[in-house]
Amino acid sequence: MSRILSVDPEQSRGLRKGLVWMAKRRYGGAVPGSLRILAQDLNVGLPASWIYNHLHMRKGSPLSRLQREMLATVVNGLIGGAP
């Protein structure tokens, strides 16, 4: 079990509840782990999500699809994520 504080999507209230709802719509009913962690502190979470969306989600992303996958693989390995 992780010792990183995270937000339980079912227990979220206020602005976090809206963010969880939007994430579920975007990701087909699932709430990404990064959102669960970053929603804990919105002063950090909102700017971090803006950077993520700017680099990964926009049409003219400076990263290719391969680079995004490589970045995700490295980060997943660093945080001890599932294989």
N, C-alpha and C. Protein backbone atom coordinates (compact mmCIF):
# COMPACT_ATOMS: atom_id res chain seq x y z
N MET A 1 0.84 -1.18 0.00
CA MET A 1 0.00 0.00 0.00
C MET A 1 0.89 1.24 0.00
N SER A 2 0.49 2.21 -0.78
CA SER A 2 1.26 3.45 -0.90
C SER A 2 1.06 4.35 0.30
N ARG A 3 2.09 5.07 0.66
CA ARG A 3 1.99 6.03 1.76
C ARG A 3 1.78 7.44 1.25
N ILE A 4 1.52 7.58 -0.02
CA ILE A 4 1.26 8.88 -0.62
C ILE A 4 -0.20 9.24 -0.40
N LEU A 5 -0.44 10.43 0.12
CA LEU A 5 -1.82 10.86 0.32
C LEU A 5 -2.51 11.02 -1.02
N SER A 6 -3.75 10.56 -1.09
CA SER A 6 -4.52 10.69 -2.31
C SER A 6 -5.98 10.94 -1.97
N VAL A 7 -6.72 11.39 -2.96
CA VAL A 7 -8.14 11.69 -2.80
C VAL A 7 -8.94 10.48 -3.24
N ASP A 8 -9.88 10.07 -2.41
CA ASP A 8 -10.81 9.00 -2.79
C ASP A 8 -11.89 9.61 -3.67
N PRO A 9 -12.01 9.17 -4.91
CA PRO A 9 -12.98 9.79 -5.83
C PRO A 9 -14.42 9.76 -5.30
N GLU A 10 -14.77 8.72 -4.57
CA GLU A 10 -16.14 8.60 -4.07
C GLU A 10 -16.40 9.53 -2.89
N GLN A 11 -15.36 9.96 -2.19
CA GLN A 11 -15.51 10.81 -1.02
C GLN A 11 -15.21 12.28 -1.31
N SER A 12 -14.89 12.62 -2.54
CA SER A 12 -14.49 13.99 -2.87
C SER A 12 -15.67 14.95 -2.76
N ARG A 13 -15.36 16.20 -2.42
CA ARG A 13 -16.36 17.24 -2.26
C ARG A 13 -15.89 18.51 -2.97
N GLY A 14 -16.82 19.39 -3.28
CA GLY A 14 -16.51 20.70 -3.83
C GLY A 14 -15.83 20.64 -5.19
N LEU A 15 -14.77 21.44 -5.34
CA LEU A 15 -14.04 21.52 -6.60
C LEU A 15 -13.44 20.17 -6.98
N ARG A 16 -12.96 19.42 -6.00
CA ARG A 16 -12.38 18.11 -6.29
C ARG A 16 -13.42 17.17 -6.90
N LYS A 17 -14.67 17.26 -6.45
CA LYS A 17 -15.73 16.42 -6.99
C LYS A 17 -15.94 16.74 -8.48
N GLY A 18 -15.88 18.02 -8.83
CA GLY A 18 -16.00 18.41 -10.23
C GLY A 18 -14.83 17.90 -11.06
N LEU A 19 -13.63 17.96 -10.50
CA LEU A 19 -12.45 17.46 -11.22
C LEU A 19 -12.54 15.95 -11.43
N VAL A 20 -13.02 15.24 -10.42
CA VAL A 20 -13.19 13.78 -10.54
C VAL A 20 -14.22 13.47 -11.61
N TRP A 21 -15.32 14.21 -11.64
CA TRP A 21 -16.37 13.99 -12.64
C TRP A 21 -15.82 14.19 -14.05
N MET A 22 -15.05 15.28 -14.23
CA MET A 22 -14.47 15.55 -15.56
C MET A 22 -13.48 14.46 -15.96
N ALA A 23 -12.68 13.99 -15.00
CA ALA A 23 -11.71 12.93 -15.30
C ALA A 23 -12.42 11.64 -15.68
N LYS A 24 -13.49 11.31 -15.00
CA LYS A 24 -14.24 10.10 -15.34
C LYS A 24 -14.81 10.19 -16.75
N ARG A 25 -15.28 11.36 -17.12
CA ARG A 25 -15.80 11.54 -18.49
C ARG A 25 -14.69 11.39 -19.51
N ARG A 26 -13.53 11.97 -19.21
CA ARG A 26 -12.41 11.96 -20.17
C ARG A 26 -11.80 10.57 -20.31
N TYR A 27 -11.69 9.84 -19.20
CA TYR A 27 -10.97 8.57 -19.21
C TYR A 27 -11.88 7.35 -19.12
N GLY A 28 -13.13 7.48 -19.53
CA GLY A 28 -14.03 6.33 -19.60
C GLY A 28 -14.42 5.73 -18.26
N GLY A 29 -14.63 6.56 -17.27
CA GLY A 29 -15.09 6.08 -15.96
C GLY A 29 -13.99 5.85 -14.95
N ALA A 30 -12.75 5.91 -15.37
CA ALA A 30 -11.62 5.71 -14.45
C ALA A 30 -11.05 7.06 -14.03
N VAL A 31 -10.48 7.09 -12.83
CA VAL A 31 -9.82 8.30 -12.34
C VAL A 31 -8.33 7.98 -12.25
N PRO A 32 -7.49 8.67 -13.05
CA PRO A 32 -6.06 8.37 -13.03
C PRO A 32 -5.43 8.60 -11.66
N GLY A 33 -4.42 7.80 -11.37
CA GLY A 33 -3.73 7.93 -10.09
C GLY A 33 -3.08 9.29 -9.90
N SER A 34 -2.60 9.88 -11.00
CA SER A 34 -1.97 11.19 -10.89
C SER A 34 -2.98 12.23 -10.42
N LEU A 35 -4.23 12.14 -10.88
CA LEU A 35 -5.26 13.08 -10.43
C LEU A 35 -5.57 12.85 -8.95
N ARG A 36 -5.63 11.61 -8.53
CA ARG A 36 -5.91 11.31 -7.12
C ARG A 36 -4.84 11.92 -6.21
N ILE A 37 -3.60 11.90 -6.65
CA ILE A 37 -2.51 12.45 -5.84
C ILE A 37 -2.48 13.97 -5.93
N LEU A 38 -2.56 14.52 -7.13
CA LEU A 38 -2.46 15.96 -7.31
C LEU A 38 -3.67 16.71 -6.76
N ALA A 39 -4.82 16.07 -6.67
CA ALA A 39 -6.01 16.73 -6.13
C ALA A 39 -5.91 16.95 -4.63
N GLN A 40 -4.95 16.32 -4.00
CA GLN A 40 -4.73 16.51 -2.56
C GLN A 40 -4.38 17.97 -2.26
N ASP A 41 -3.56 18.58 -3.10
CA ASP A 41 -3.17 19.99 -2.94
C ASP A 41 -3.41 20.68 -4.28
N LEU A 42 -4.49 21.44 -4.37
CA LEU A 42 -4.87 22.05 -5.64
C LEU A 42 -3.92 23.17 -6.06
N ASN A 43 -3.18 23.76 -5.12
CA ASN A 43 -2.20 24.79 -5.47
C ASN A 43 -1.06 24.21 -6.29
N VAL A 44 -0.80 22.94 -6.12
CA VAL A 44 0.22 22.24 -6.91
C VAL A 44 -0.45 21.48 -8.06
N GLY A 45 -1.58 20.87 -7.78
CA GLY A 45 -2.25 20.00 -8.74
C GLY A 45 -2.73 20.69 -10.00
N LEU A 46 -3.33 21.86 -9.87
CA LEU A 46 -3.85 22.55 -11.06
C LEU A 46 -2.73 22.99 -12.00
N PRO A 47 -1.67 23.66 -11.51
CA PRO A 47 -0.58 23.99 -12.45
C PRO A 47 0.10 22.74 -13.05
N ALA A 48 0.24 21.69 -12.26
CA ALA A 48 0.85 20.46 -12.79
C ALA A 48 -0.02 19.85 -13.89
N SER A 49 -1.32 19.89 -13.72
CA SER A 49 -2.20 19.34 -14.75
C SER A 49 -2.19 20.23 -15.99
N TRP A 50 -2.05 21.53 -15.84
CA TRP A 50 -1.94 22.42 -17.00
C TRP A 50 -0.69 22.09 -17.80
N ILE A 51 0.43 21.87 -17.11
CA ILE A 51 1.68 21.52 -17.79
C ILE A 51 1.51 20.18 -18.51
N TYR A 52 0.93 19.21 -17.83
CA TYR A 52 0.71 17.89 -18.44
C TYR A 52 -0.14 18.01 -19.70
N ASN A 53 -1.26 18.72 -19.58
CA ASN A 53 -2.14 18.88 -20.74
C ASN A 53 -1.45 19.64 -21.87
N HIS A 54 -0.63 20.61 -21.53
CA HIS A 54 0.08 21.37 -22.56
C HIS A 54 1.07 20.50 -23.31
N LEU A 55 1.77 19.64 -22.59
CA LEU A 55 2.78 18.79 -23.23
C LEU A 55 2.19 17.57 -23.92
N HIS A 56 1.14 17.00 -23.34
CA HIS A 56 0.68 15.70 -23.82
C HIS A 56 -0.63 15.73 -24.60
N MET A 57 -1.55 16.58 -24.26
CA MET A 57 -2.91 16.45 -24.78
C MET A 57 -3.24 17.38 -25.94
N ARG A 58 -2.47 18.41 -26.17
CA ARG A 58 -2.84 19.34 -27.24
C ARG A 58 -2.45 18.77 -28.59
N LYS A 59 -3.12 19.27 -29.60
CA LYS A 59 -2.91 18.77 -30.95
C LYS A 59 -1.47 18.99 -31.44
N GLY A 60 -0.91 20.15 -31.15
CA GLY A 60 0.45 20.46 -31.59
C GLY A 60 1.48 20.18 -30.52
N SER A 61 1.35 19.05 -29.83
CA SER A 61 2.26 18.70 -28.75
C SER A 61 3.71 18.64 -29.26
N PRO A 62 4.66 19.19 -28.48
CA PRO A 62 6.06 19.12 -28.89
C PRO A 62 6.64 17.71 -28.77
N LEU A 63 5.92 16.81 -28.10
CA LEU A 63 6.38 15.44 -27.95
C LEU A 63 5.64 14.53 -28.91
N SER A 64 6.37 13.61 -29.50
CA SER A 64 5.72 12.63 -30.37
C SER A 64 5.03 11.58 -29.49
N ARG A 65 4.20 10.77 -30.11
CA ARG A 65 3.52 9.72 -29.36
C ARG A 65 4.53 8.77 -28.71
N LEU A 66 5.59 8.44 -29.43
CA LEU A 66 6.63 7.57 -28.89
C LEU A 66 7.31 8.21 -27.68
N GLN A 67 7.61 9.50 -27.77
CA GLN A 67 8.25 10.20 -26.65
C GLN A 67 7.33 10.23 -25.43
N ARG A 68 6.04 10.42 -25.65
CA ARG A 68 5.09 10.42 -24.53
C ARG A 68 5.04 9.05 -23.87
N GLU A 69 5.04 7.99 -24.67
CA GLU A 69 5.03 6.63 -24.12
C GLU A 69 6.33 6.35 -23.36
N MET A 70 7.47 6.81 -23.90
CA MET A 70 8.74 6.60 -23.22
C MET A 70 8.77 7.34 -21.89
N LEU A 71 8.28 8.56 -21.87
CA LEU A 71 8.21 9.34 -20.65
C LEU A 71 7.33 8.66 -19.62
N ALA A 72 6.17 8.16 -20.04
CA ALA A 72 5.26 7.47 -19.13
C ALA A 72 5.91 6.21 -18.56
N THR A 73 6.66 5.49 -19.38
CA THR A 73 7.33 4.27 -18.92
C THR A 73 8.38 4.58 -17.87
N VAL A 74 9.17 5.60 -18.11
CA VAL A 74 10.22 5.99 -17.16
C VAL A 74 9.62 6.45 -15.84
N VAL A 75 8.61 7.31 -15.90
CA VAL A 75 7.98 7.81 -14.67
C VAL A 75 7.32 6.66 -13.92
N ASN A 76 6.65 5.77 -14.62
CA ASN A 76 6.02 4.63 -13.97
C ASN A 76 7.06 3.77 -13.25
N GLY A 77 8.20 3.57 -13.87
CA GLY A 77 9.28 2.81 -13.24
C GLY A 77 9.85 3.51 -12.02
N LEU A 78 9.98 4.83 -12.10
CA LEU A 78 10.54 5.59 -10.97
C LEU A 78 9.63 5.59 -9.75
N ILE A 79 8.33 5.58 -9.98
CA ILE A 79 7.41 5.61 -8.84
C ILE A 79 7.00 4.21 -8.39
N GLY A 80 7.54 3.20 -9.04
CA GLY A 80 7.25 1.83 -8.65
C GLY A 80 5.86 1.37 -9.04
N GLY A 81 5.39 1.85 -10.20
CA GLY A 81 4.06 1.49 -10.68
C GLY A 81 4.00 0.07 -11.19
N ALA A 82 2.79 -0.34 -11.54
CA ALA A 82 2.58 -1.69 -12.04
C ALA A 82 3.27 -1.87 -13.39
N PRO A 83 3.78 -3.07 -13.66
CA PRO A 83 4.45 -3.33 -14.94
C PRO A 83 3.50 -3.33 -16.11
